[in-house]
Amino acid sequence: MRGVWLAIRADTRSILSFQAGLLAGMAIYNLAIWSPPLPHGSATYGMMMQISMILGFVTAMPVNAMLIKAGWKEAM
């Protein structure tokens, strides 16, 4: 049970940091760039989603580096 708790502790921080960047990117393009929101099936929406995922990756990198340095996660 301790292993499950340790995994949840480390992965929750990693996932939350990724989601913060992803949702910030989506909010920027939905609220600031296009005044009517993009249709979900459009190619532009898909491209902006990919850009937001890259932003999420960038925001998760320092958190993952900190977790690895602290010994909470293993480097891959």
C-alpha atoms as a PDB file:
ATOM      1  CA  MET A   1       0.000   0.000   0.000  1.00  0.00           C
ATOM      2  CA  ARG A   2       2.913   2.350   0.690  1.00  0.00           C
ATOM      3  CA  GLY A   3       4.078   2.011  -2.925  1.00  0.00           C
ATOM      4  CA  VAL A   4       0.672   3.044  -4.214  1.00  0.00           C
ATOM      5  CA  TRP A   5       0.683   6.130  -1.986  1.00  0.00           C
ATOM      6  CA  LEU A   6       4.188   7.093  -3.154  1.00  0.00           C
ATOM      7  CA  ALA A   7       3.156   6.742  -6.807  1.00  0.00           C
ATOM      8  CA  ILE A   8       0.023   8.830  -6.287  1.00  0.00           C
ATOM      9  CA  ARG A   9       2.031  11.486  -4.435  1.00  0.00           C
ATOM     10  CA  ALA A  10       4.562  11.887  -7.243  1.00  0.00           C
ATOM     11  CA  ASP A  11       2.251  11.453 -10.232  1.00  0.00           C
ATOM     12  CA  THR A  12      -0.409  13.838  -8.934  1.00  0.00           C
ATOM     13  CA  ARG A  13       2.052  16.733  -8.918  1.00  0.00           C
ATOM     14  CA  SER A  14       3.334  15.842 -12.347  1.00  0.00           C
ATOM     15  CA  ILE A  15      -0.137  15.556 -13.870  1.00  0.00           C
ATOM     16  CA  LEU A  16      -1.393  18.748 -12.199  1.00  0.00           C
ATOM     17  CA  SER A  17       1.519  20.751 -13.599  1.00  0.00           C
ATOM     18  CA  PHE A  18       0.880  19.343 -17.092  1.00  0.00           C
ATOM     19  CA  GLN A  19      -2.832  20.108 -16.856  1.00  0.00           C
ATOM     20  CA  ALA A  20      -2.137  23.668 -15.667  1.00  0.00           C
ATOM     21  CA  GLY A  21      -0.094  24.384 -18.802  1.00  0.00           C
ATOM     22  CA  LEU A  22      -2.548  22.598 -21.096  1.00  0.00           C
ATOM     23  CA  LEU A  23      -5.591  24.405 -19.730  1.00  0.00           C
ATOM     24  CA  ALA A  24      -3.786  27.771 -19.707  1.00  0.00           C
ATOM     25  CA  GLY A  25      -2.978  27.332 -23.403  1.00  0.00           C
ATOM     26  CA  MET A  26      -6.558  26.354 -24.198  1.00  0.00           C
ATOM     27  CA  ALA A  27      -7.916  29.324 -22.236  1.00  0.00           C
ATOM     28  CA  ILE A  28      -5.601  31.705 -24.073  1.00  0.00           C
ATOM     29  CA  TYR A  29      -6.694  30.631 -27.523  1.00  0.00           C
ATOM     30  CA  ASN A  30     -10.372  30.216 -26.624  1.00  0.00           C
ATOM     31  CA  LEU A  31     -10.761  33.487 -24.736  1.00  0.00           C
ATOM     32  CA  ALA A  32      -8.134  35.804 -26.222  1.00  0.00           C
ATOM     33  CA  ILE A  33      -7.305  34.735 -29.769  1.00  0.00           C
ATOM     34  CA  TRP A  34     -10.664  33.683 -31.247  1.00  0.00           C
ATOM     35  CA  SER A  35     -13.752  35.473 -29.984  1.00  0.00           C
ATOM     36  CA  PRO A  36     -16.224  32.755 -30.994  1.00  0.00           C
ATOM     37  CA  PRO A  37     -14.682  29.473 -29.828  1.00  0.00           C
ATOM     38  CA  LEU A  38     -13.343  27.168 -32.521  1.00  0.00           C
ATOM     39  CA  PRO A  39     -15.467  24.176 -33.542  1.00  0.00           C
ATOM     40  CA  HIS A  40     -14.075  21.032 -31.908  1.00  0.00           C
ATOM     41  CA  GLY A  41     -13.801  19.149 -35.182  1.00  0.00           C
ATOM     42  CA  SER A  42     -11.742  21.768 -37.020  1.00  0.00           C
ATOM     43  CA  ALA A  43      -8.089  21.385 -37.957  1.00  0.00           C
ATOM     44  CA  THR A  44      -7.283  24.689 -36.250  1.00  0.00           C
ATOM     45  CA  TYR A  45      -8.710  23.393 -32.981  1.00  0.00           C
ATOM     46  CA  GLY A  46      -6.562  20.268 -33.278  1.00  0.00           C
ATOM     47  CA  MET A  47      -3.452  22.346 -33.972  1.00  0.00           C
ATOM     48  CA  MET A  48      -4.124  24.628 -31.006  1.00  0.00           C
ATOM     49  CA  MET A  49      -4.687  21.586 -28.801  1.00  0.00           C
ATOM     50  CA  GLN A  50      -1.273  20.232 -29.837  1.00  0.00           C
ATOM     51  CA  ILE A  51       0.356  23.581 -29.059  1.00  0.00           C
ATOM     52  CA  SER A  52      -1.355  23.576 -25.655  1.00  0.00           C
ATOM     53  CA  MET A  53      -0.050  20.057 -25.012  1.00  0.00           C
ATOM     54  CA  ILE A  54       3.479  21.286 -25.750  1.00  0.00           C
ATOM     55  CA  LEU A  55       2.906  24.100 -23.257  1.00  0.00           C
ATOM     56  CA  GLY A  56       1.744  21.501 -20.731  1.00  0.00           C
ATOM     57  CA  PHE A  57       4.908  19.479 -21.350  1.00  0.00           C
ATOM     58  CA  VAL A  58       7.047  22.575 -20.775  1.00  0.00           C
ATOM     59  CA  THR A  59       5.257  23.391 -17.498  1.00  0.00           C
ATOM     60  CA  ALA A  60       5.617  19.790 -16.284  1.00  0.00           C
ATOM     61  CA  MET A  61       9.357  19.523 -17.021  1.00  0.00           C
ATOM     62  CA  PRO A  62      10.611  21.497 -13.992  1.00  0.00           C
ATOM     63  CA  VAL A  63       8.206  19.684 -11.664  1.00  0.00           C
ATOM     64  CA  ASN A  64       9.355  16.297 -12.953  1.00  0.00           C
ATOM     65  CA  ALA A  65      13.013  17.358 -12.635  1.00  0.00           C
ATOM     66  CA  MET A  66      12.358  18.380  -9.027  1.00  0.00           C
ATOM     67  CA  LEU A  67      10.602  15.076  -8.289  1.00  0.00           C
ATOM     68  CA  ILE A  68      13.491  13.105  -9.797  1.00  0.00           C
ATOM     69  CA  LYS A  69      16.059  15.127  -7.855  1.00  0.00           C
ATOM     70  CA  ALA A  70      14.114  14.586  -4.623  1.00  0.00           C
ATOM     71  CA  GLY A  71      14.004  10.831  -5.326  1.00  0.00           C
ATOM     72  CA  TRP A  72      10.222  10.656  -5.633  1.00  0.00           C
ATOM     73  CA  LYS A  73      10.349   9.554  -9.287  1.00  0.00           C
ATOM     74  CA  GLU A  74      12.789   7.515 -11.330  1.00  0.00           C
ATOM     75  CA  ALA A  75      14.436   8.949 -14.404  1.00  0.00           C
ATOM     76  CA  MET A  76      13.407   7.218 -17.614  1.00  0.00           C
END
